Amino acid sequence: MSKLNKYRGVFPALYACYDDAGDISPERIHKLVQHFIDKGVKGLYVGGSSGECIYQTLDERKLVLEEVMKVAKGKMTIIAHIGAPNTRDSVMLAKHAKGCGVDALSSIPPIYFPLSDKSVEAYWTAMATATDLDFFIYNIPQLTNYNLSPTVYKNLLKLPQVVGVKNSSMAVLDIMTKKMMADKEVIVFNGPDEQYIGGRMMGADGGIGGTYGAMPELYLKLEEFYAAGEAKKAQELQMILNDFITELCSFSGHMYSVIKEVLKLRGVNIGTGRPPLLPVDPADMGKVKELNQKIEVAIKKYCS
């Protein structure tokens, strides 16, 4: 059995958990992680976009991972995102994550300054070689303005720690390309939630997604349909999920603030988004409740 099998399947991206004052809440982190365990989730991606990492201090990011591992260690596969604006901080986060006992590391490319392939490769290499943990490149060009080049990808694959990619570019062909270019076994995660099934059909081994956590049961069922070869059911459920994603992005407030209100309605209060992410306008809460009801109906239909 491949040592990489633990990375296959549905990996929700963990949301930032704040108390009512907007500070990191260990108690709420514990409750959210346990919620996912209870729903049957086997792995989490911690400290990425959904975790609002760019709006947290380094100490906060370390605290989040420490609290996650208090509940998840030995029960879930944990991939820790360690990308930071500078290489030194990213390497420090890598070593801290190793000490916490995570399974793997991951990082976006450097942000803000346009950098050469050589600079980006050096950034990822420093993180990947800082420990002996598995490392996943995180390719998300629509937010970072850097698209993983074939040269950088092939060079990084020479490192034993680099075992795959979280690919969030919208072209599903990119997933197949990442598989075809590798001369060793790699794991490729589908990033865009709207194309989970498309990504799986093009060779993705699973997915890491920012909306999975609002309705993990439905994404687990989607993977189940795909694995069983039930294409029609998978397509039908993907279309329903895409409608839900559209609604999550249509209300006032940032999508993650909306998701947190949905989770609150489902019994898991993790606060709201940290500014500059806007909270949901009270005038839209009726619509959020209606969306939550639709999600609950879909869960009863497909998961009962």
C-alpha atoms as a PDB file:
ATOM      1  CA  MET A   1       0.000   0.000   0.000  1.00  0.00           C
ATOM      2  CA  SER A   2       1.317   3.429  -0.936  1.00  0.00           C
ATOM      3  CA  LYS A   3       2.433   5.673   1.908  1.00  0.00           C
ATOM      4  CA  LEU A   4       0.552   8.463   0.128  1.00  0.00           C
ATOM      5  CA  ASN A   5      -2.874   6.808   0.407  1.00  0.00           C
ATOM      6  CA  LYS A   6      -3.641   8.825   3.531  1.00  0.00           C
ATOM      7  CA  TYR A   7      -3.845  11.922   1.339  1.00  0.00           C
ATOM      8  CA  ARG A   8      -6.627  10.644  -0.897  1.00  0.00           C
ATOM      9  CA  GLY A   9     -10.184  11.903  -0.494  1.00  0.00           C
ATOM     10  CA  VAL A  10     -11.980  14.906   0.944  1.00  0.00           C
ATOM     11  CA  PHE A  11      -9.929  17.426   2.962  1.00  0.00           C
ATOM     12  CA  PRO A  12     -11.893  20.420   4.267  1.00  0.00           C
ATOM     13  CA  ALA A  13      -9.827  23.564   4.684  1.00  0.00           C
ATOM     14  CA  LEU A  14     -10.172  24.447   8.362  1.00  0.00           C
ATOM     15  CA  TYR A  15     -11.808  27.793   9.143  1.00  0.00           C
ATOM     16  CA  ALA A  16     -10.382  30.369  11.520  1.00  0.00           C
ATOM     17  CA  CYS A  17     -12.072  30.071  14.914  1.00  0.00           C
ATOM     18  CA  TYR A  18     -12.478  33.257  16.937  1.00  0.00           C
ATOM     19  CA  ASP A  19     -14.177  34.100  20.208  1.00  0.00           C
ATOM     20  CA  ASP A  20     -16.695  36.925  20.478  1.00  0.00           C
ATOM     21  CA  ALA A  21     -13.859  39.450  20.901  1.00  0.00           C
ATOM     22  CA  GLY A  22     -12.178  38.304  17.677  1.00  0.00           C
ATOM     23  CA  ASP A  23      -9.300  36.429  19.315  1.00  0.00           C
ATOM     24  CA  ILE A  24      -8.243  32.847  18.546  1.00  0.00           C
ATOM     25  CA  SER A  25     -10.509  30.477  20.475  1.00  0.00           C
ATOM     26  CA  PRO A  26      -8.933  27.124  21.432  1.00  0.00           C
ATOM     27  CA  GLU A  27     -12.315  25.893  22.658  1.00  0.00           C
ATOM     28  CA  ARG A  28     -13.981  26.642  19.324  1.00  0.00           C
ATOM     29  CA  ILE A  29     -11.092  25.086  17.396  1.00  0.00           C
ATOM     30  CA  HIS A  30     -11.541  21.887  19.395  1.00  0.00           C
ATOM     31  CA  LYS A  31     -15.275  21.868  18.729  1.00  0.00           C
ATOM     32  CA  LEU A  32     -14.883  22.399  14.979  1.00  0.00           C
ATOM     33  CA  VAL A  33     -12.244  19.687  14.611  1.00  0.00           C
ATOM     34  CA  GLN A  34     -14.390  17.251  16.604  1.00  0.00           C
ATOM     35  CA  HIS A  35     -17.374  18.203  14.431  1.00  0.00           C
ATOM     36  CA  PHE A  36     -15.438  17.102  11.367  1.00  0.00           C
ATOM     37  CA  ILE A  37     -14.320  13.879  13.032  1.00  0.00           C
ATOM     38  CA  ASP A  38     -17.929  13.116  13.946  1.00  0.00           C
ATOM     39  CA  LYS A  39     -18.988  13.698  10.331  1.00  0.00           C
ATOM     40  CA  GLY A  40     -16.462  11.142   9.086  1.00  0.00           C
ATOM     41  CA  VAL A  41     -13.817  13.519   7.723  1.00  0.00           C
ATOM     42  CA  LYS A  42     -10.387  11.856   7.641  1.00  0.00           C
ATOM     43  CA  GLY A  43      -8.147  14.839   6.919  1.00  0.00           C
ATOM     44  CA  LEU A  44      -7.865  18.618   7.227  1.00  0.00           C
ATOM     45  CA  TYR A  45      -5.878  21.392   5.575  1.00  0.00           C
ATOM     46  CA  VAL A  46      -4.982  23.809   8.366  1.00  0.00           C
ATOM     47  CA  GLY A  47      -3.874  27.427   8.176  1.00  0.00           C
ATOM     48  CA  GLY A  48      -4.621  28.240   4.560  1.00  0.00           C
ATOM     49  CA  SER A  49      -6.969  30.769   2.962  1.00  0.00           C
ATOM     50  CA  SER A  50      -9.982  29.434   4.866  1.00  0.00           C
ATOM     51  CA  GLY A  51      -7.940  29.728   8.036  1.00  0.00           C
ATOM     52  CA  GLU A  52      -7.408  33.439   7.302  1.00  0.00           C
ATOM     53  CA  CYS A  53      -3.663  32.958   7.720  1.00  0.00           C
ATOM     54  CA  ILE A  54      -2.727  36.258   6.088  1.00  0.00           C
ATOM     55  CA  TYR A  55      -4.708  38.105   8.778  1.00  0.00           C
ATOM     56  CA  GLN A  56      -3.102  36.286  11.711  1.00  0.00           C
ATOM     57  CA  THR A  57       0.183  36.798  13.534  1.00  0.00           C
ATOM     58  CA  LEU A  58       2.797  34.053  13.519  1.00  0.00           C
ATOM     59  CA  ASP A  59       2.060  33.307  17.178  1.00  0.00           C
ATOM     60  CA  GLU A  60      -1.635  32.957  16.368  1.00  0.00           C
ATOM     61  CA  ARG A  61      -0.900  30.606  13.501  1.00  0.00           C
ATOM     62  CA  LYS A  62       1.236  28.424  15.759  1.00  0.00           C
ATOM     63  CA  LEU A  63      -1.468  28.430  18.435  1.00  0.00           C
ATOM     64  CA  VAL A  64      -4.118  27.347  15.926  1.00  0.00           C
ATOM     65  CA  LEU A  65      -2.065  24.353  14.807  1.00  0.00           C
ATOM     66  CA  GLU A  66      -1.233  23.352  18.370  1.00  0.00           C
ATOM     67  CA  GLU A  67      -4.916  23.386  19.320  1.00  0.00           C
ATOM     68  CA  VAL A  68      -5.951  21.461  16.205  1.00  0.00           C
ATOM     69  CA  MET A  69      -3.463  18.712  17.001  1.00  0.00           C
ATOM     70  CA  LYS A  70      -4.781  18.336  20.550  1.00  0.00           C
ATOM     71  CA  VAL A  71      -7.944  16.899  19.016  1.00  0.00           C
ATOM     72  CA  ALA A  72      -6.819  15.578  15.621  1.00  0.00           C
ATOM     73  CA  LYS A  73      -3.522  13.848  16.376  1.00  0.00           C
ATOM     74  CA  GLY A  74      -3.789  10.140  15.643  1.00  0.00           C
ATOM     75  CA  LYS A  75      -7.336  10.579  14.317  1.00  0.00           C
ATOM     76  CA  MET A  76      -6.930  12.614  11.126  1.00  0.00           C
ATOM     77  CA  THR A  77      -4.364  13.337   8.430  1.00  0.00           C
ATOM     78  CA  ILE A  78      -3.268  16.947   8.894  1.00  0.00           C
ATOM     79  CA  ILE A  79      -1.644  19.104   6.226  1.00  0.00           C
ATOM     80  CA  ALA A  80      -0.348  22.394   7.640  1.00  0.00           C
ATOM     81  CA  HIS A  81      -0.110  25.437   5.412  1.00  0.00           C
ATOM     82  CA  ILE A  82       3.061  27.350   6.311  1.00  0.00           C
ATOM     83  CA  GLY A  83       3.287  30.009   3.600  1.00  0.00           C
ATOM     84  CA  ALA A  84       4.226  33.471   4.871  1.00  0.00           C
ATOM     85  CA  PRO A  85       5.312  36.727   3.221  1.00  0.00           C
ATOM     86  CA  ASN A  86       8.978  35.880   3.789  1.00  0.00           C
ATOM     87  CA  THR A  87      10.977  32.666   3.592  1.00  0.00           C
ATOM     88  CA  ARG A  88      12.400  32.933   7.111  1.00  0.00           C
ATOM     89  CA  ASP A  89       8.965  32.917   8.746  1.00  0.00           C
ATOM     90  CA  SER A  90       7.803  30.061   6.508  1.00  0.00           C
ATOM     91  CA  VAL A  91      10.773  27.904   7.523  1.00  0.00           C
ATOM     92  CA  MET A  92      10.070  28.695  11.184  1.00  0.00           C
ATOM     93  CA  LEU A  93       6.431  27.629  10.728  1.00  0.00           C
ATOM     94  CA  ALA A  94       7.602  24.439   9.009  1.00  0.00           C
ATOM     95  CA  LYS A  95       9.750  23.457  11.961  1.00  0.00           C
ATOM     96  CA  HIS A  96       6.976  24.325  14.396  1.00  0.00           C
ATOM     97  CA  ALA A  97       4.499  22.192  12.439  1.00  0.00           C
ATOM     98  CA  LYS A  98       6.947  19.286  12.493  1.00  0.00           C
ATOM     99  CA  GLY A  99       7.087  19.594  16.265  1.00  0.00           C
ATOM    100  CA  CYS A 100       3.288  19.537  16.447  1.00  0.00           C
ATOM    101  CA  GLY A 101       3.195  16.146  14.724  1.00  0.00           C
ATOM    102  CA  VAL A 102       1.437  17.015  11.450  1.00  0.00           C
ATOM    103  CA  ASP A 103       1.583  14.674   8.461  1.00  0.00           C
ATOM    104  CA  ALA A 104       2.554  17.165   5.773  1.00  0.00           C
ATOM    105  CA  LEU A 105       3.310  20.763   4.921  1.00  0.00           C
ATOM    106  CA  SER A 106       2.072  22.987   2.120  1.00  0.00           C
ATOM    107  CA  SER A 107       2.501  26.542   0.906  1.00  0.00           C
ATOM    108  CA  ILE A 108       1.323  29.094  -1.604  1.00  0.00           C
ATOM    109  CA  PRO A 109       4.026  30.886  -3.619  1.00  0.00           C
ATOM    110  CA  PRO A 110       5.390  34.226  -2.368  1.00  0.00           C
ATOM    111  CA  ILE A 111       2.830  37.042  -2.484  1.00  0.00           C
ATOM    112  CA  TYR A 112       2.849  40.743  -3.377  1.00  0.00           C
ATOM    113  CA  PHE A 113       6.121  41.194  -5.323  1.00  0.00           C
ATOM    114  CA  PRO A 114       6.298  39.678  -8.831  1.00  0.00           C
ATOM    115  CA  LEU A 115       9.186  37.213  -8.551  1.00  0.00           C
ATOM    116  CA  SER A 116      11.142  35.069 -10.981  1.00  0.00           C
ATOM    117  CA  ASP A 117      10.780  31.315 -11.191  1.00  0.00           C
ATOM    118  CA  LYS A 118      14.185  31.049  -9.544  1.00  0.00           C
ATOM    119  CA  SER A 119      12.979  33.047  -6.516  1.00  0.00           C
ATOM    120  CA  VAL A 120       9.765  31.067  -6.192  1.00  0.00           C
ATOM    121  CA  GLU A 121      11.606  27.768  -6.477  1.00  0.00           C
ATOM    122  CA  ALA A 122      14.070  28.829  -3.764  1.00  0.00           C
ATOM    123  CA  TYR A 123      11.149  29.833  -1.507  1.00  0.00           C
ATOM    124  CA  TRP A 124       9.429  26.459  -1.797  1.00  0.00           C
ATOM    125  CA  THR A 125      12.716  24.556  -1.600  1.00  0.00           C
ATOM    126  CA  ALA A 126      13.645  26.214   1.691  1.00  0.00           C
ATOM    127  CA  MET A 127      10.352  25.130   3.248  1.00  0.00           C
ATOM    128  CA  ALA A 128      10.354  21.631   1.778  1.00  0.00           C
ATOM    129  CA  THR A 129      13.885  20.907   2.970  1.00  0.00           C
ATOM    130  CA  ALA A 130      13.425  22.433   6.435  1.00  0.00           C
ATOM    131  CA  THR A 131      11.981  19.102   7.648  1.00  0.00           C
ATOM    132  CA  ASP A 132      11.556  15.531   6.435  1.00  0.00           C
ATOM    133  CA  LEU A 133       7.766  15.882   6.212  1.00  0.00           C
ATOM    134  CA  ASP A 134       5.830  15.440   2.974  1.00  0.00           C
ATOM    135  CA  PHE A 135       5.336  18.725   1.147  1.00  0.00           C
ATOM    136  CA  PHE A 136       2.540  19.881  -1.176  1.00  0.00           C
ATOM    137  CA  ILE A 137       2.964  22.797  -3.547  1.00  0.00           C
ATOM    138  CA  TYR A 138      -0.111  25.047  -3.481  1.00  0.00           C
ATOM    139  CA  ASN A 139      -0.821  26.490  -6.918  1.00  0.00           C
ATOM    140  CA  ILE A 140      -3.483  29.211  -6.808  1.00  0.00           C
ATOM    141  CA  PRO A 141      -2.657  31.690  -9.582  1.00  0.00           C
ATOM    142  CA  GLN A 142      -5.911  33.655  -9.414  1.00  0.00           C
ATOM    143  CA  LEU A 143      -4.954  34.965  -5.955  1.00  0.00           C
ATOM    144  CA  THR A 144      -1.155  34.971  -6.041  1.00  0.00           C
ATOM    145  CA  ASN A 145      -0.535  36.016  -9.667  1.00  0.00           C
ATOM    146  CA  TYR A 146       1.923  33.142 -10.006  1.00  0.00           C
ATOM    147  CA  ASN A 147       1.151  29.979 -11.970  1.00  0.00           C
ATOM    148  CA  LEU A 148       3.374  26.989 -11.230  1.00  0.00           C
ATOM    149  CA  SER A 149       5.695  26.596 -14.225  1.00  0.00           C
ATOM    150  CA  PRO A 150       6.698  23.192 -15.642  1.00  0.00           C
ATOM    151  CA  THR A 151      10.356  23.885 -14.892  1.00  0.00           C
ATOM    152  CA  VAL A 152       9.807  24.780 -11.248  1.00  0.00           C
ATOM    153  CA  TYR A 153       7.435  21.832 -10.808  1.00  0.00           C
ATOM    154  CA  LYS A 154       9.895  19.314 -12.248  1.00  0.00           C
ATOM    155  CA  ASN A 155      12.780  20.711 -10.218  1.00  0.00           C
ATOM    156  CA  LEU A 156      10.785  20.573  -6.984  1.00  0.00           C
ATOM    157  CA  LEU A 157       9.715  16.983  -7.671  1.00  0.00           C
ATOM    158  CA  LYS A 158      13.383  16.015  -7.428  1.00  0.00           C
ATOM    159  CA  LEU A 159      13.129  16.712  -3.698  1.00  0.00           C
ATOM    160  CA  PRO A 160      11.981  13.578  -1.805  1.00  0.00           C
ATOM    161  CA  GLN A 161       9.785  15.709   0.446  1.00  0.00           C
ATOM    162  CA  VAL A 162       7.694  17.055  -2.467  1.00  0.00           C
ATOM    163  CA  VAL A 163       4.875  14.569  -2.970  1.00  0.00           C
ATOM    164  CA  GLY A 164       2.229  16.555  -4.803  1.00  0.00           C
ATOM    165  CA  VAL A 165       0.221  19.656  -5.529  1.00  0.00           C
ATOM    166  CA  LYS A 166      -2.917  21.342  -4.364  1.00  0.00           C
ATOM    167  CA  ASN A 167      -3.989  22.704  -7.733  1.00  0.00           C
ATOM    168  CA  SER A 168      -6.514  25.537  -7.588  1.00  0.00           C
ATOM    169  CA  SER A 169      -6.207  26.843 -11.137  1.00  0.00           C
ATOM    170  CA  MET A 170      -9.595  26.668 -12.843  1.00  0.00           C
ATOM    171  CA  ALA A 171      -8.443  24.601 -15.830  1.00  0.00           C
ATOM    172  CA  VAL A 172      -9.059  20.929 -15.034  1.00  0.00           C
ATOM    173  CA  LEU A 173      -6.491  20.049 -17.693  1.00  0.00           C
ATOM    174  CA  ASP A 174      -3.845  21.353 -15.272  1.00  0.00           C
ATOM    175  CA  ILE A 175      -4.605  18.427 -12.964  1.00  0.00           C
ATOM    176  CA  MET A 176      -3.929  15.834 -15.658  1.00  0.00           C
ATOM    177  CA  THR A 177      -0.822  17.742 -16.723  1.00  0.00           C
ATOM    178  CA  LYS A 178       0.572  17.655 -13.174  1.00  0.00           C
ATOM    179  CA  LYS A 179       0.095  13.874 -13.161  1.00  0.00           C
ATOM    180  CA  MET A 180       1.619  13.356 -16.600  1.00  0.00           C
ATOM    181  CA  MET A 181       4.687  15.501 -15.901  1.00  0.00           C
ATOM    182  CA  ALA A 182       5.674  13.635 -12.742  1.00  0.00           C
ATOM    183  CA  ASP A 183       8.193  10.790 -12.941  1.00  0.00           C
ATOM    184  CA  LYS A 184       7.213   9.508  -9.495  1.00  0.00           C
ATOM    185  CA  GLU A 185       3.987   8.886  -7.602  1.00  0.00           C
ATOM    186  CA  VAL A 186       2.337  12.179  -6.719  1.00  0.00           C
ATOM    187  CA  ILE A 187      -0.900  13.274  -5.097  1.00  0.00           C
ATOM    188  CA  VAL A 188      -2.803  16.020  -6.887  1.00  0.00           C
ATOM    189  CA  PHE A 189      -5.633  17.715  -4.995  1.00  0.00           C
ATOM    190  CA  ASN A 190      -8.417  19.474  -6.853  1.00  0.00           C
ATOM    191  CA  GLY A 191      -8.764  23.019  -5.508  1.00  0.00           C
ATOM    192  CA  PRO A 192     -11.869  24.645  -7.040  1.00  0.00           C
ATOM    193  CA  ASP A 193     -14.864  23.197  -5.189  1.00  0.00           C
ATOM    194  CA  GLU A 194     -17.142  23.789  -8.190  1.00  0.00           C
ATOM    195  CA  GLN A 195     -15.253  21.210 -10.230  1.00  0.00           C
ATOM    196  CA  TYR A 196     -14.625  18.423  -7.716  1.00  0.00           C
ATOM    197  CA  ILE A 197     -15.969  15.755 -10.045  1.00  0.00           C
ATOM    198  CA  GLY A 198     -14.245  17.262 -13.070  1.00  0.00           C
ATOM    199  CA  GLY A 199     -10.974  17.293 -11.175  1.00  0.00           C
ATOM    200  CA  ARG A 200     -11.369  13.665 -10.071  1.00  0.00           C
ATOM    201  CA  MET A 201     -12.094  12.585 -13.642  1.00  0.00           C
ATOM    202  CA  MET A 202      -8.947  14.363 -14.826  1.00  0.00           C
ATOM    203  CA  GLY A 203      -6.793  12.520 -12.298  1.00  0.00           C
ATOM    204  CA  ALA A 204      -7.103  14.316  -8.967  1.00  0.00           C
ATOM    205  CA  ASP A 205      -6.725  12.019  -5.961  1.00  0.00           C
ATOM    206  CA  GLY A 206      -9.159  14.065  -3.894  1.00  0.00           C
ATOM    207  CA  GLY A 207      -9.855  17.648  -3.028  1.00  0.00           C
ATOM    208  CA  ILE A 208      -9.059  20.407  -0.576  1.00  0.00           C
ATOM    209  CA  GLY A 209     -11.823  22.973  -0.440  1.00  0.00           C
ATOM    210  CA  GLY A 210     -13.025  26.064   1.348  1.00  0.00           C
ATOM    211  CA  THR A 211     -16.737  25.219   1.216  1.00  0.00           C
ATOM    212  CA  TYR A 212     -16.408  21.559   2.233  1.00  0.00           C
ATOM    213  CA  GLY A 213     -16.626  22.452   5.910  1.00  0.00           C
ATOM    214  CA  ALA A 214     -20.078  24.021   5.606  1.00  0.00           C
ATOM    215  CA  MET A 215     -21.520  20.729   4.368  1.00  0.00           C
ATOM    216  CA  PRO A 216     -18.903  17.945   4.738  1.00  0.00           C
ATOM    217  CA  GLU A 217     -21.523  15.213   4.488  1.00  0.00           C
ATOM    218  CA  LEU A 218     -22.352  16.227   0.917  1.00  0.00           C
ATOM    219  CA  TYR A 219     -18.735  16.292  -0.269  1.00  0.00           C
ATOM    220  CA  LEU A 220     -18.085  12.910   1.357  1.00  0.00           C
ATOM    221  CA  LYS A 221     -21.142  11.578  -0.471  1.00  0.00           C
ATOM    222  CA  LEU A 222     -19.924  13.157  -3.715  1.00  0.00           C
ATOM    223  CA  GLU A 223     -16.622  11.295  -3.359  1.00  0.00           C
ATOM    224  CA  GLU A 224     -18.545   8.122  -2.562  1.00  0.00           C
ATOM    225  CA  PHE A 225     -20.601   8.460  -5.745  1.00  0.00           C
ATOM    226  CA  TYR A 226     -17.472   9.040  -7.817  1.00  0.00           C
ATOM    227  CA  ALA A 227     -15.605   6.094  -6.285  1.00  0.00           C
ATOM    228  CA  ALA A 228     -18.600   3.831  -6.932  1.00  0.00           C
ATOM    229  CA  GLY A 229     -18.799   4.888 -10.578  1.00  0.00           C
ATOM    230  CA  GLU A 230     -22.216   6.497 -10.124  1.00  0.00           C
ATOM    231  CA  ALA A 231     -21.576   9.314 -12.578  1.00  0.00           C
ATOM    232  CA  LYS A 232     -25.158  10.536 -12.907  1.00  0.00           C
ATOM    233  CA  LYS A 233     -25.643  10.855  -9.153  1.00  0.00           C
ATOM    234  CA  ALA A 234     -22.255  12.544  -8.807  1.00  0.00           C
ATOM    235  CA  GLN A 235     -23.085  15.075 -11.507  1.00  0.00           C
ATOM    236  CA  GLU A 236     -26.482  15.786  -9.954  1.00  0.00           C
ATOM    237  CA  LEU A 237     -24.976  16.386  -6.511  1.00  0.00           C
ATOM    238  CA  GLN A 238     -22.152  18.538  -7.919  1.00  0.00           C
ATOM    239  CA  MET A 239     -24.739  20.790  -9.560  1.00  0.00           C
ATOM    240  CA  ILE A 240     -26.592  21.157  -6.260  1.00  0.00           C
ATOM    241  CA  LEU A 241     -23.353  21.972  -4.466  1.00  0.00           C
ATOM    242  CA  ASN A 242     -22.517  24.562  -7.099  1.00  0.00           C
ATOM    243  CA  ASP A 243     -25.860  26.253  -6.483  1.00  0.00           C
ATOM    244  CA  PHE A 244     -25.026  26.369  -2.779  1.00  0.00           C
ATOM    245  CA  ILE A 245     -21.579  27.819  -3.499  1.00  0.00           C
ATOM    246  CA  THR A 246     -23.148  30.511  -5.659  1.00  0.00           C
ATOM    247  CA  GLU A 247     -25.454  31.457  -2.803  1.00  0.00           C
ATOM    248  CA  LEU A 248     -22.604  31.477  -0.274  1.00  0.00           C
ATOM    249  CA  CYS A 249     -20.925  34.105  -2.440  1.00  0.00           C
ATOM    250  CA  SER A 250     -24.038  36.164  -3.108  1.00  0.00           C
ATOM    251  CA  PHE A 251     -24.854  37.582   0.327  1.00  0.00           C
ATOM    252  CA  SER A 252     -23.363  40.590   2.090  1.00  0.00           C
ATOM    253  CA  GLY A 253     -20.181  39.799   3.942  1.00  0.00           C
ATOM    254  CA  HIS A 254     -17.289  37.622   2.859  1.00  0.00           C
ATOM    255  CA  MET A 255     -17.992  33.998   1.896  1.00  0.00           C
ATOM    256  CA  TYR A 256     -16.169  32.722   4.980  1.00  0.00           C
ATOM    257  CA  SER A 257     -18.322  34.914   7.214  1.00  0.00           C
ATOM    258  CA  VAL A 258     -21.402  33.444   5.536  1.00  0.00           C
ATOM    259  CA  ILE A 259     -20.081  29.909   6.021  1.00  0.00           C
ATOM    260  CA  LYS A 260     -19.496  30.635   9.695  1.00  0.00           C
ATOM    261  CA  GLU A 261     -23.123  31.722  10.053  1.00  0.00           C
ATOM    262  CA  VAL A 262     -24.206  28.459   8.400  1.00  0.00           C
ATOM    263  CA  LEU A 263     -22.038  26.510  10.819  1.00  0.00           C
ATOM    264  CA  LYS A 264     -23.525  28.451  13.716  1.00  0.00           C
ATOM    265  CA  LEU A 265     -26.984  27.379  12.551  1.00  0.00           C
ATOM    266  CA  ARG A 266     -25.657  23.811  12.471  1.00  0.00           C
ATOM    267  CA  GLY A 267     -24.553  24.098  16.103  1.00  0.00           C
ATOM    268  CA  VAL A 268     -20.887  25.057  15.679  1.00  0.00           C
ATOM    269  CA  ASN A 269     -20.128  28.667  16.626  1.00  0.00           C
ATOM    270  CA  ILE A 270     -16.646  29.739  15.458  1.00  0.00           C
ATOM    271  CA  GLY A 271     -17.239  33.481  15.369  1.00  0.00           C
ATOM    272  CA  THR A 272     -17.098  35.507  12.175  1.00  0.00           C
ATOM    273  CA  GLY A 273     -14.440  36.608   9.701  1.00  0.00           C
ATOM    274  CA  ARG A 274     -11.618  38.848  10.884  1.00  0.00           C
ATOM    275  CA  PRO A 275     -11.563  42.352   9.380  1.00  0.00           C
ATOM    276  CA  PRO A 276     -11.081  43.359   6.643  1.00  0.00           C
ATOM    277  CA  LEU A 277     -13.367  40.374   5.902  1.00  0.00           C
ATOM    278  CA  LEU A 278     -16.858  41.759   6.387  1.00  0.00           C
ATOM    279  CA  PRO A 279     -19.456  39.990   8.550  1.00  0.00           C
ATOM    280  CA  VAL A 280     -22.881  39.123   7.228  1.00  0.00           C
ATOM    281  CA  ASP A 281     -25.322  42.010   7.280  1.00  0.00           C
ATOM    282  CA  PRO A 282     -28.215  41.201   9.661  1.00  0.00           C
ATOM    283  CA  ALA A 283     -30.591  41.968   6.776  1.00  0.00           C
ATOM    284  CA  ASP A 284     -29.227  38.900   4.957  1.00  0.00           C
ATOM    285  CA  MET A 285     -29.529  36.471   7.850  1.00  0.00           C
ATOM    286  CA  GLY A 286     -32.951  35.328   6.663  1.00  0.00           C
ATOM    287  CA  LYS A 287     -31.409  34.271   3.344  1.00  0.00           C
ATOM    288  CA  VAL A 288     -28.575  32.489   5.157  1.00  0.00           C
ATOM    289  CA  LYS A 289     -31.143  30.537   7.175  1.00  0.00           C
ATOM    290  CA  GLU A 290     -32.943  29.596   3.963  1.00  0.00           C
ATOM    291  CA  LEU A 291     -29.675  28.354   2.467  1.00  0.00           C
ATOM    292  CA  ASN A 292     -28.946  26.315   5.570  1.00  0.00           C
ATOM    293  CA  GLN A 293     -32.378  24.713   5.275  1.00  0.00           C
ATOM    294  CA  LYS A 294     -31.595  23.764   1.666  1.00  0.00           C
ATOM    295  CA  ILE A 295     -28.310  22.221   2.779  1.00  0.00           C
ATOM    296  CA  GLU A 296     -30.072  20.228   5.505  1.00  0.00           C
ATOM    297  CA  VAL A 297     -32.665  18.982   2.999  1.00  0.00           C
ATOM    298  CA  ALA A 298     -29.896  17.853   0.623  1.00  0.00           C
ATOM    299  CA  ILE A 299     -28.109  16.052   3.462  1.00  0.00           C
ATOM    300  CA  LYS A 300     -31.296  14.172   4.358  1.00  0.00           C
ATOM    301  CA  LYS A 301     -31.876  13.274   0.715  1.00  0.00           C
ATOM    302  CA  TYR A 302     -28.386  12.039  -0.116  1.00  0.00           C
ATOM    303  CA  CYS A 303     -26.893  10.970   3.213  1.00  0.00           C
ATOM    304  CA  SER A 304     -29.718   9.349   5.169  1.00  0.00           C
END
